[in-house]
Each structure stands twice: as structure tokens, then as C-alpha cells.
């Protein structure tokens, strides 16, 4: 799509002959609308929830992300300061809660 919009004709011709599969525009909201029309809201929610749960489980199991919990006012203050100061690496998720769910 981008090539069609800005590239010179020679590049467009080359891309049309050489790229397989051809280039295709991907716009997530349009795909989501197609899936909603095909599956319906309930099935879309069910599949989305299952995919997200599988991703989160894999991220934790494969050590892509570490979960840190802060459940006291003092721990929350320390964690929040780390967040504000940019000291939380992308591989760490911080859950702040004054309600202990353990």
C-alpha cells in the first residue's frame, strides 16, 4: 500500500512482479470489524480473552516479563516512584493494589 502511494512507477512494477504474496494493507480496526461480523460479539470476546490469557501465561512462563506486586501503602509508594522515575524495565509489570488477593 505504501509503495502504491509514494514509490515511483518502476518500484511499483518491481513490487508487483517480485513480492509474493503481494503487499496488502493491514488496519487492525477493519480486521476487528470483519471478525465481529463473522463471529459475533460473544465469540470475538471468547477468542480474544483466550488469546490474551495464553499470551500472558507464555510471557510469565518463558520469563519475558516479571510480575511485581505492591500491596501496602509503603510498597506502593516505592513502586510508584520507580515508575515515575522510569526505573521499571519493559520486562517488568507492576501491580499496585491495596486489596490483597492472595
PDB file of N, CA and C in Angstrom:
ATOM      1  N   UNK A   1       0.833  -1.190   0.000  1.00  0.00           N
ATOM      2  CA  UNK A   1       0.000   0.000   0.000  1.00  0.00           C
ATOM      3  C   UNK A   1       0.872   1.245   0.000  1.00  0.00           C
ATOM      4  N   UNK A   2       1.889   1.265   0.870  1.00  0.00           N
ATOM      5  CA  UNK A   2       2.770   2.421   0.945  1.00  0.00           C
ATOM      6  C   UNK A   2       3.491   2.628  -0.380  1.00  0.00           C
ATOM      7  N   UNK A   3       3.938   1.518  -0.977  1.00  0.00           N
ATOM      8  CA  UNK A   3       4.606   1.609  -2.275  1.00  0.00           C
ATOM      9  C   UNK A   3       3.663   2.229  -3.299  1.00  0.00           C
ATOM     10  N   UNK A   4       2.404   1.819  -3.287  1.00  0.00           N
ATOM     11  CA  UNK A   4       1.437   2.375  -4.234  1.00  0.00           C
ATOM     12  C   UNK A   4       1.249   3.874  -4.049  1.00  0.00           C
ATOM     13  N   UNK A   5       1.410   4.335  -2.828  1.00  0.00           N
ATOM     14  CA  UNK A   5       1.160   5.755  -2.545  1.00  0.00           C
ATOM     15  C   UNK A   5       2.350   6.646  -2.882  1.00  0.00           C
ATOM     16  N   UNK A   6       3.581   6.192  -2.659  1.00  0.00           N
ATOM     17  CA  UNK A   6       4.719   7.106  -2.759  1.00  0.00           C
ATOM     18  C   UNK A   6       5.835   6.668  -3.707  1.00  0.00           C
ATOM     19  N   UNK A   7       5.876   5.434  -4.081  1.00  0.00           N
ATOM     20  CA  UNK A   7       7.012   4.948  -4.873  1.00  0.00           C
ATOM     21  C   UNK A   7       6.882   5.353  -6.338  1.00  0.00           C
ATOM     22  N   UNK A   8       8.023   5.486  -7.004  1.00  0.00           N
ATOM     23  CA  UNK A   8       7.976   5.717  -8.449  1.00  0.00           C
ATOM     24  C   UNK A   8       7.422   4.479  -9.163  1.00  0.00           C
ATOM     25  N   UNK A   9       6.970   4.665 -10.370  1.00  0.00           N
ATOM     26  CA  UNK A   9       6.322   3.582 -11.115  1.00  0.00           C
ATOM     27  C   UNK A   9       7.231   2.367 -11.257  1.00  0.00           C
ATOM     28  N   UNK A  10       8.520   2.567 -11.426  1.00  0.00           N
ATOM     29  CA  UNK A  10       9.416   1.415 -11.575  1.00  0.00           C
ATOM     30  C   UNK A  10       9.414   0.547 -10.319  1.00  0.00           C
ATOM     31  N   UNK A  11       9.356   1.172  -9.158  1.00  0.00           N
ATOM     32  CA  UNK A  11       9.305   0.423  -7.898  1.00  0.00           C
ATOM     33  C   UNK A  11       7.968  -0.306  -7.773  1.00  0.00           C
ATOM     34  N   UNK A  12       6.903   0.341  -8.177  1.00  0.00           N
ATOM     35  CA  UNK A  12       5.580  -0.305  -8.131  1.00  0.00           C
ATOM     36  C   UNK A  12       5.560  -1.545  -9.022  1.00  0.00           C
ATOM     37  N   UNK A  13       6.128  -1.417 -10.216  1.00  0.00           N
ATOM     38  CA  UNK A  13       6.166  -2.545 -11.150  1.00  0.00           C
ATOM     39  C   UNK A  13       7.010  -3.677 -10.585  1.00  0.00           C
ATOM     40  N   UNK A  14       8.166  -3.339 -10.041  1.00  0.00           N
ATOM     41  CA  UNK A  14       9.042  -4.343  -9.446  1.00  0.00           C
ATOM     42  C   UNK A  14       8.323  -5.074  -8.315  1.00  0.00           C
ATOM     43  N   UNK A  15       7.687  -4.320  -7.413  1.00  0.00           N
ATOM     44  CA  UNK A  15       6.992  -4.922  -6.272  1.00  0.00           C
ATOM     45  C   UNK A  15       5.870  -5.833  -6.744  1.00  0.00           C
ATOM     46  N   UNK A  16       5.129  -5.423  -7.748  1.00  0.00           N
ATOM     47  CA  UNK A  16       4.018  -6.238  -8.249  1.00  0.00           C
ATOM     48  C   UNK A  16       4.520  -7.565  -8.820  1.00  0.00           C
ATOM     49  N   UNK A  17       5.704  -7.570  -9.464  1.00  0.00           N
ATOM     50  CA  UNK A  17       6.247  -8.790 -10.057  1.00  0.00           C
ATOM     51  C   UNK A  17       6.970  -9.664  -9.054  1.00  0.00           C
ATOM     52  N   UNK A  18       7.664  -9.068  -8.091  1.00  0.00           N
ATOM     53  CA  UNK A  18       8.586  -9.805  -7.231  1.00  0.00           C
ATOM     54  C   UNK A  18       8.037 -10.234  -5.877  1.00  0.00           C
ATOM     55  N   UNK A  19       7.149  -9.467  -5.329  1.00  0.00           N
ATOM     56  CA  UNK A  19       6.693  -9.770  -3.967  1.00  0.00           C
ATOM     57  C   UNK A  19       5.552 -10.774  -3.998  1.00  0.00           C
ATOM     58  N   UNK A  20       5.775 -11.868  -3.286  1.00  0.00           N
ATOM     59  CA  UNK A  20       4.751 -12.898  -3.213  1.00  0.00           C
ATOM     60  C   UNK A  20       4.695 -13.416  -1.784  1.00  0.00           C
ATOM     61  N   UNK A  21       3.610 -13.342  -1.091  1.00  0.00           N
ATOM     62  CA  UNK A  21       2.385 -12.718  -1.584  1.00  0.00           C
ATOM     63  C   UNK A  21       2.560 -11.214  -1.734  1.00  0.00           C
ATOM     64  N   UNK A  22       1.683 -10.631  -2.490  1.00  0.00           N
ATOM     65  CA  UNK A  22       1.745  -9.192  -2.716  1.00  0.00           C
ATOM     66  C   UNK A  22       1.512  -8.410  -1.431  1.00  0.00           C
ATOM     67  N   UNK A  23       1.884  -7.149  -1.487  1.00  0.00           N
ATOM     68  CA  UNK A  23       1.669  -6.294  -0.322  1.00  0.00           C
ATOM     69  C   UNK A  23       0.183  -6.082  -0.105  1.00  0.00           C
ATOM     70  N   UNK A  24      -0.184  -5.996   1.149  1.00  0.00           N
ATOM     71  CA  UNK A  24      -1.590  -5.833   1.484  1.00  0.00           C
ATOM     72  C   UNK A  24      -1.692  -4.908   2.689  1.00  0.00           C
ATOM     73  N   UNK A  25      -2.621  -4.009   2.653  1.00  0.00           N
ATOM     74  CA  UNK A  25      -2.828  -3.078   3.754  1.00  0.00           C
ATOM     75  C   UNK A  25      -3.441  -3.828   4.930  1.00  0.00           C
ATOM     76  N   UNK A  26      -2.874  -3.614   6.129  1.00  0.00           N
ATOM     77  CA  UNK A  26      -3.439  -4.193   7.344  1.00  0.00           C
ATOM     78  C   UNK A  26      -3.826  -3.053   8.261  1.00  0.00           C
ATOM     79  N   UNK A  27      -5.093  -2.970   8.614  1.00  0.00           N
ATOM     80  CA  UNK A  27      -5.609  -1.944   9.516  1.00  0.00           C
ATOM     81  C   UNK A  27      -6.428  -2.674  10.562  1.00  0.00           C
ATOM     82  N   UNK A  28      -5.877  -2.768  11.769  1.00  0.00           N
ATOM     83  CA  UNK A  28      -6.473  -3.598  12.824  1.00  0.00           C
ATOM     84  C   UNK A  28      -7.964  -3.322  13.041  1.00  0.00           C
ATOM     85  N   UNK A  29      -8.408  -2.061  13.138  1.00  0.00           N
ATOM     86  CA  UNK A  29      -9.848  -1.851  13.345  1.00  0.00           C
ATOM     87  C   UNK A  29     -10.713  -2.463  12.245  1.00  0.00           C
ATOM     88  N   UNK A  30     -10.242  -2.433  11.013  1.00  0.00           N
ATOM     89  CA  UNK A  30     -11.020  -3.034   9.920  1.00  0.00           C
ATOM     90  C   UNK A  30     -11.080  -4.548  10.075  1.00  0.00           C
ATOM     91  N   UNK A  31      -9.968  -5.162  10.457  1.00  0.00           N
ATOM     92  CA  UNK A  31      -9.935  -6.615  10.659  1.00  0.00           C
ATOM     93  C   UNK A  31     -10.845  -6.993  11.823  1.00  0.00           C
ATOM     94  N   UNK A  32     -10.796  -6.232  12.889  1.00  0.00           N
ATOM     95  CA  UNK A  32     -11.661  -6.496  14.048  1.00  0.00           C
ATOM     96  C   UNK A  32     -13.127  -6.416  13.634  1.00  0.00           C
ATOM     97  N   UNK A  33     -13.475  -5.415  12.842  1.00  0.00           N
ATOM     98  CA  UNK A  33     -14.866  -5.297  12.382  1.00  0.00           C
ATOM     99  C   UNK A  33     -15.279  -6.487  11.522  1.00  0.00           C
ATOM    100  N   UNK A  34     -14.359  -6.977  10.678  1.00  0.00           N
ATOM    101  CA  UNK A  34     -14.656  -8.165   9.867  1.00  0.00           C
ATOM    102  C   UNK A  34     -14.881  -9.386  10.756  1.00  0.00           C
ATOM    103  N   UNK A  35     -14.023  -9.550  11.764  1.00  0.00           N
ATOM    104  CA  UNK A  35     -14.176 -10.694  12.679  1.00  0.00           C
ATOM    105  C   UNK A  35     -15.464 -10.591  13.480  1.00  0.00           C
ATOM    106  N   UNK A  36     -15.808  -9.390  13.920  1.00  0.00           N
ATOM    107  CA  UNK A  36     -17.076  -9.204  14.639  1.00  0.00           C
ATOM    108  C   UNK A  36     -18.266  -9.585  13.762  1.00  0.00           C
ATOM    109  N   UNK A  37     -18.213  -9.182  12.513  1.00  0.00           N
ATOM    110  CA  UNK A  37     -19.308  -9.515  11.591  1.00  0.00           C
ATOM    111  C   UNK A  37     -19.375 -11.017  11.355  1.00  0.00           C
ATOM    112  N   UNK A  38     -18.222 -11.668  11.297  1.00  0.00           N
ATOM    113  CA  UNK A  38     -18.171 -13.104  11.023  1.00  0.00           C
ATOM    114  C   UNK A  38     -18.509 -13.938  12.255  1.00  0.00           C
ATOM    115  N   UNK A  39     -17.920 -13.583  13.391  1.00  0.00           N
ATOM    116  CA  UNK A  39     -18.044 -14.405  14.597  1.00  0.00           C
ATOM    117  C   UNK A  39     -19.145 -13.941  15.545  1.00  0.00           C
ATOM    118  N   UNK A  40     -19.448 -12.664  15.557  1.00  0.00           N
ATOM    119  CA  UNK A  40     -20.359 -12.114  16.552  1.00  0.00           C
ATOM    120  C   UNK A  40     -19.574 -11.684  17.787  1.00  0.00           C
ATOM    121  N   UNK A  41     -20.180 -10.831  18.584  1.00  0.00           N
ATOM    122  CA  UNK A  41     -19.519 -10.250  19.756  1.00  0.00           C
ATOM    123  C   UNK A  41     -19.112 -11.309  20.777  1.00  0.00           C
ATOM    124  N   UNK A  42     -20.008 -12.229  21.082  1.00  0.00           N
ATOM    125  CA  UNK A  42     -19.721 -13.225  22.123  1.00  0.00           C
ATOM    126  C   UNK A  42     -18.516 -14.095  21.755  1.00  0.00           C
ATOM    127  N   UNK A  43     -18.482 -14.592  20.510  1.00  0.00           N
ATOM    128  CA  UNK A  43     -17.364 -15.432  20.067  1.00  0.00           C
ATOM    129  C   UNK A  43     -16.073 -14.617  19.985  1.00  0.00           C
ATOM    130  N   UNK A  44     -16.178 -13.371  19.524  1.00  0.00           N
ATOM    131  CA  UNK A  44     -14.996 -12.498  19.451  1.00  0.00           C
ATOM    132  C   UNK A  44     -14.410 -12.290  20.844  1.00  0.00           C
ATOM    133  N   UNK A  45     -15.270 -11.999  21.816  1.00  0.00           N
ATOM    134  CA  UNK A  45     -14.802 -11.812  23.193  1.00  0.00           C
ATOM    135  C   UNK A  45     -14.160 -13.087  23.729  1.00  0.00           C
ATOM    136  N   UNK A  46     -14.798 -14.230  23.465  1.00  0.00           N
ATOM    137  CA  UNK A  46     -14.275 -15.514  23.944  1.00  0.00           C
ATOM    138  C   UNK A  46     -12.887 -15.786  23.359  1.00  0.00           C
ATOM    139  N   UNK A  47     -12.733 -15.617  22.056  1.00  0.00           N
ATOM    140  CA  UNK A  47     -11.444 -15.873  21.407  1.00  0.00           C
ATOM    141  C   UNK A  47     -10.377 -14.858  21.825  1.00  0.00           C
ATOM    142  N   UNK A  48     -10.775 -13.608  21.948  1.00  0.00           N
ATOM    143  CA  UNK A  48      -9.825 -12.571  22.374  1.00  0.00           C
ATOM    144  C   UNK A  48      -9.335 -12.840  23.790  1.00  0.00           C
ATOM    145  N   UNK A  49     -10.254 -13.189  24.674  1.00  0.00           N
ATOM    146  CA  UNK A  49      -9.880 -13.488  26.063  1.00  0.00           C
ATOM    147  C   UNK A  49      -8.936 -14.690  26.127  1.00  0.00           C
ATOM    148  N   UNK A  50      -9.229 -15.729  25.341  1.00  0.00           N
ATOM    149  CA  UNK A  50      -8.375 -16.923  25.342  1.00  0.00           C
ATOM    150  C   UNK A  50      -6.981 -16.601  24.801  1.00  0.00           C
ATOM    151  N   UNK A  51      -6.913 -15.806  23.738  1.00  0.00           N
ATOM    152  CA  UNK A  51      -5.614 -15.442  23.157  1.00  0.00           C
ATOM    153  C   UNK A  51      -4.808 -14.587  24.124  1.00  0.00           C
ATOM    154  N   UNK A  52      -5.461 -13.644  24.780  1.00  0.00           N
ATOM    155  CA  UNK A  52      -4.748 -12.791  25.739  1.00  0.00           C
ATOM    156  C   UNK A  52      -4.259 -13.609  26.924  1.00  0.00           C
ATOM    157  N   UNK A  53      -5.088 -14.499  27.429  1.00  0.00           N
ATOM    158  CA  UNK A  53      -4.682 -15.345  28.555  1.00  0.00           C
ATOM    159  C   UNK A  53      -3.491 -16.220  28.176  1.00  0.00           C
ATOM    160  N   UNK A  54      -3.517 -16.795  26.979  1.00  0.00           N
ATOM    161  CA  UNK A  54      -2.398 -17.630  26.525  1.00  0.00           C
ATOM    162  C   UNK A  54      -1.124 -16.801  26.388  1.00  0.00           C
ATOM    163  N   UNK A  55      -1.252 -15.583  25.877  1.00  0.00           N
ATOM    164  CA  UNK A  55      -0.085 -14.709  25.742  1.00  0.00           C
ATOM    165  C   UNK A  55       0.498 -14.351  27.104  1.00  0.00           C
ATOM    166  N   UNK A  56      -0.348 -13.976  28.043  1.00  0.00           N
ATOM    167  CA  UNK A  56       0.129 -13.602  29.380  1.00  0.00           C
ATOM    168  C   UNK A  56       0.785 -14.798  30.063  1.00  0.00           C
ATOM    169  N   UNK A  57       0.161 -15.971  29.968  1.00  0.00           N
ATOM    170  CA  UNK A  57       0.765 -17.175  30.555  1.00  0.00           C
ATOM    171  C   UNK A  57       2.140 -17.449  29.954  1.00  0.00           C
ATOM    172  N   UNK A  58       2.248 -17.353  28.635  1.00  0.00           N
ATOM    173  CA  UNK A  58       3.538 -17.588  27.972  1.00  0.00           C
ATOM    174  C   UNK A  58       4.561 -16.541  28.389  1.00  0.00           C
ATOM    175  N   UNK A  59       4.143 -15.288  28.475  1.00  0.00           N
ATOM    176  CA  UNK A  59       5.069 -14.212  28.863  1.00  0.00           C
ATOM    177  C   UNK A  59       5.639 -14.450  30.250  1.00  0.00           C
ATOM    178  N   UNK A  60       4.815 -14.947  31.151  1.00  0.00           N
ATOM    179  CA  UNK A  60       5.281 -15.227  32.517  1.00  0.00           C
ATOM    180  C   UNK A  60       6.102 -16.517  32.543  1.00  0.00           C
ATOM    181  N   UNK A  61       5.575 -17.584  31.932  1.00  0.00           N
ATOM    182  CA  UNK A  61       6.257 -18.884  31.958  1.00  0.00           C
ATOM    183  C   UNK A  61       7.624 -18.844  31.284  1.00  0.00           C
ATOM    184  N   UNK A  62       7.760 -18.067  30.218  1.00  0.00           N
ATOM    185  CA  UNK A  62       9.011 -18.006  29.463  1.00  0.00           C
ATOM    186  C   UNK A  62       9.912 -16.851  29.920  1.00  0.00           C
ATOM    187  N   UNK A  63       9.559 -16.255  31.046  1.00  0.00           N
ATOM    188  CA  UNK A  63      10.341 -15.154  31.633  1.00  0.00           C
ATOM    189  C   UNK A  63      10.496 -13.950  30.713  1.00  0.00           C
ATOM    190  N   UNK A  64       9.488 -13.687  29.887  1.00  0.00           N
ATOM    191  CA  UNK A  64       9.509 -12.460  29.097  1.00  0.00           C
ATOM    192  C   UNK A  64       9.209 -11.274  29.995  1.00  0.00           C
ATOM    193  N   UNK A  65       8.448 -11.549  31.049  1.00  0.00           N
ATOM    194  CA  UNK A  65       8.029 -10.475  31.947  1.00  0.00           C
ATOM    195  C   UNK A  65       7.984 -11.002  33.367  1.00  0.00           C
ATOM    196  N   UNK A  66       8.377 -10.177  34.290  1.00  0.00           N
ATOM    197  CA  UNK A  66       8.306 -10.486  35.718  1.00  0.00           C
ATOM    198  C   UNK A  66       7.176  -9.649  36.314  1.00  0.00           C
ATOM    199  N   UNK A  67       6.414 -10.263  37.184  1.00  0.00           N
ATOM    200  CA  UNK A  67       5.323  -9.562  37.854  1.00  0.00           C
ATOM    201  C   UNK A  67       5.788  -9.153  39.244  1.00  0.00           C
ATOM    202  N   UNK A  68       5.676  -7.874  39.534  1.00  0.00           N
ATOM    203  CA  UNK A  68       5.991  -7.354  40.860  1.00  0.00           C
ATOM    204  C   UNK A  68       4.690  -6.822  41.458  1.00  0.00           C
ATOM    205  N   UNK A  69       4.426  -7.198  42.695  1.00  0.00           N
ATOM    206  CA  UNK A  69       3.220  -6.725  43.370  1.00  0.00           C
ATOM    207  C   UNK A  69       3.600  -5.783  44.496  1.00  0.00           C
ATOM    208  N   UNK A  70       2.796  -4.752  44.677  1.00  0.00           N
ATOM    209  CA  UNK A  70       2.943  -3.840  45.807  1.00  0.00           C
ATOM    210  C   UNK A  70       1.564  -3.715  46.444  1.00  0.00           C
ATOM    211  N   UNK A  71       1.462  -4.132  47.716  1.00  0.00           N
ATOM    212  CA  UNK A  71       0.134  -4.224  48.339  1.00  0.00           C
ATOM    213  C   UNK A  71       0.008  -3.459  49.645  1.00  0.00           C
ATOM    214  N   UNK A  72       1.024  -2.751  50.038  1.00  0.00           N
ATOM    215  CA  UNK A  72       0.921  -1.899  51.230  1.00  0.00           C
ATOM    216  C   UNK A  72       1.156  -0.462  50.773  1.00  0.00           C
ATOM    217  N   UNK A  73       0.670   0.506  51.533  1.00  0.00           N
ATOM    218  CA  UNK A  73       0.910   1.904  51.142  1.00  0.00           C
ATOM    219  C   UNK A  73       2.402   2.206  50.935  1.00  0.00           C
ATOM    220  N   UNK A  74       3.241   1.652  51.788  1.00  0.00           N
ATOM    221  CA  UNK A  74       4.682   1.916  51.660  1.00  0.00           C
ATOM    222  C   UNK A  74       5.249   1.295  50.386  1.00  0.00           C
ATOM    223  N   UNK A  75       4.890   0.040  50.111  1.00  0.00           N
ATOM    224  CA  UNK A  75       5.383  -0.646  48.912  1.00  0.00           C
ATOM    225  C   UNK A  75       4.853   0.027  47.649  1.00  0.00           C
ATOM    226  N   UNK A  76       3.617   0.476  47.680  1.00  0.00           N
ATOM    227  CA  UNK A  76       3.032   1.172  46.534  1.00  0.00           C
ATOM    228  C   UNK A  76       3.778   2.475  46.271  1.00  0.00           C
ATOM    229  N   UNK A  77       4.104   3.193  47.324  1.00  0.00           N
ATOM    230  CA  UNK A  77       4.836   4.451  47.167  1.00  0.00           C
ATOM    231  C   UNK A  77       6.213   4.206  46.522  1.00  0.00           C
ATOM    232  N   UNK A  78       6.910   3.170  46.979  1.00  0.00           N
ATOM    233  CA  UNK A  78       8.217   2.839  46.404  1.00  0.00           C
ATOM    234  C   UNK A  78       8.071   2.443  44.935  1.00  0.00           C
ATOM    235  N   UNK A  79       7.101   1.581  44.636  1.00  0.00           N
ATOM    236  CA  UNK A  79       6.890   1.127  43.255  1.00  0.00           C
ATOM    237  C   UNK A  79       6.487   2.294  42.361  1.00  0.00           C
ATOM    238  N   UNK A  80       5.607   3.157  42.856  1.00  0.00           N
ATOM    239  CA  UNK A  80       5.150   4.297  42.064  1.00  0.00           C
ATOM    240  C   UNK A  80       6.326   5.227  41.744  1.00  0.00           C
ATOM    241  N   UNK A  81       7.181   5.446  42.716  1.00  0.00           N
ATOM    242  CA  UNK A  81       8.348   6.294  42.480  1.00  0.00           C
ATOM    243  C   UNK A  81       9.230   5.687  41.387  1.00  0.00           C
ATOM    244  N   UNK A  82       9.429   4.365  41.414  1.00  0.00           N
ATOM    245  CA  UNK A  82      10.211   3.696  40.364  1.00  0.00           C
ATOM    246  C   UNK A  82       9.568   3.892  38.994  1.00  0.00           C
ATOM    247  N   UNK A  83       8.251   3.836  38.952  1.00  0.00           N
ATOM    248  CA  UNK A  83       7.536   4.036  37.686  1.00  0.00           C
ATOM    249  C   UNK A  83       7.744   5.461  37.191  1.00  0.00           C
ATOM    250  N   UNK A  84       7.499   6.438  38.045  1.00  0.00           N
ATOM    251  CA  UNK A  84       7.625   7.843  37.676  1.00  0.00           C
ATOM    252  C   UNK A  84       9.045   8.183  37.236  1.00  0.00           C
ATOM    253  N   UNK A  85      10.030   7.596  37.896  1.00  0.00           N
ATOM    254  CA  UNK A  85      11.426   7.881  37.573  1.00  0.00           C
ATOM    255  C   UNK A  85      11.943   7.067  36.380  1.00  0.00           C
ATOM    256  N   UNK A  86      11.077   6.254  35.789  1.00  0.00           N
ATOM    257  CA  UNK A  86      11.473   5.479  34.620  1.00  0.00           C
ATOM    258  C   UNK A  86      12.430   4.348  34.938  1.00  0.00           C
ATOM    259  N   UNK A  87      12.346   3.795  36.127  1.00  0.00           N
ATOM    260  CA  UNK A  87      13.264   2.738  36.544  1.00  0.00           C
ATOM    261  C   UNK A  87      12.670   1.336  36.411  1.00  0.00           C
ATOM    262  N   UNK A  88      11.530   1.231  35.771  1.00  0.00           N
ATOM    263  CA  UNK A  88      10.890  -0.065  35.550  1.00  0.00           C
ATOM    264  C   UNK A  88      11.257  -0.520  34.136  1.00  0.00           C
ATOM    265  N   UNK A  89      11.959  -1.638  33.993  1.00  0.00           N
ATOM    266  CA  UNK A  89      12.301  -2.112  32.646  1.00  0.00           C
ATOM    267  C   UNK A  89      11.053  -2.640  31.935  1.00  0.00           C
ATOM    268  N   UNK A  90      11.086  -2.709  30.616  1.00  0.00           N
ATOM    269  CA  UNK A  90       9.940  -3.229  29.864  1.00  0.00           C
ATOM    270  C   UNK A  90       9.601  -4.668  30.231  1.00  0.00           C
ATOM    271  N   UNK A  91      10.534  -5.379  30.825  1.00  0.00           N
ATOM    272  CA  UNK A  91      10.317  -6.783  31.184  1.00  0.00           C
ATOM    273  C   UNK A  91       9.683  -6.940  32.569  1.00  0.00           C
ATOM    274  N   UNK A  92       9.235  -5.859  33.158  1.00  0.00           N
ATOM    275  CA  UNK A  92       8.642  -5.931  34.490  1.00  0.00           C
ATOM    276  C   UNK A  92       7.260  -5.284  34.473  1.00  0.00           C
ATOM    277  N   UNK A  93       6.299  -5.981  35.071  1.00  0.00           N
ATOM    278  CA  UNK A  93       4.953  -5.433  35.250  1.00  0.00           C
ATOM    279  C   UNK A  93       4.742  -5.207  36.736  1.00  0.00           C
ATOM    280  N   UNK A  94       4.175  -4.079  37.081  1.00  0.00           N
ATOM    281  CA  UNK A  94       3.955  -3.749  38.488  1.00  0.00           C
ATOM    282  C   UNK A  94       2.449  -3.663  38.730  1.00  0.00           C
ATOM    283  N   UNK A  95       1.999  -4.443  39.692  1.00  0.00           N
ATOM    284  CA  UNK A  95       0.587  -4.410  40.084  1.00  0.00           C
ATOM    285  C   UNK A  95       0.507  -3.711  41.431  1.00  0.00           C
ATOM    286  N   UNK A  96      -0.199  -2.607  41.461  1.00  0.00           N
ATOM    287  CA  UNK A  96      -0.384  -1.848  42.700  1.00  0.00           C
ATOM    288  C   UNK A  96      -1.802  -2.104  43.189  1.00  0.00           C
ATOM    289  N   UNK A  97      -1.917  -2.557  44.438  1.00  0.00           N
ATOM    290  CA  UNK A  97      -3.234  -2.868  44.968  1.00  0.00           C
ATOM    291  C   UNK A  97      -3.250  -2.744  46.477  1.00  0.00           C
ATOM    292  N   UNK A  98      -4.270  -2.115  47.001  1.00  0.00           N
ATOM    293  CA  UNK A  98      -4.451  -2.070  48.446  1.00  0.00           C
ATOM    294  C   UNK A  98      -5.379  -3.179  48.903  1.00  0.00           C
ATOM    295  N   UNK A  99      -5.825  -4.009  47.956  1.00  0.00           N
ATOM    296  CA  UNK A  99      -6.662  -5.159  48.263  1.00  0.00           C
ATOM    297  C   UNK A  99      -5.821  -6.395  48.025  1.00  0.00           C
ATOM    298  N   UNK A 100      -5.503  -7.123  49.055  1.00  0.00           N
ATOM    299  CA  UNK A 100      -4.675  -8.318  48.923  1.00  0.00           C
ATOM    300  C   UNK A 100      -5.533  -9.446  48.362  1.00  0.00           C
ATOM    301  N   UNK A 101      -5.129  -9.946  47.188  1.00  0.00           N
ATOM    302  CA  UNK A 101      -5.890 -11.019  46.531  1.00  0.00           C
ATOM    303  C   UNK A 101      -5.253 -12.382  46.731  1.00  0.00           C
ATOM    304  N   UNK A 102      -4.193 -12.472  47.499  1.00  0.00           N
ATOM    305  CA  UNK A 102      -3.525 -13.766  47.685  1.00  0.00           C
ATOM    306  C   UNK A 102      -4.319 -14.662  48.595  1.00  0.00           C
TER     307      UNK A 102
END
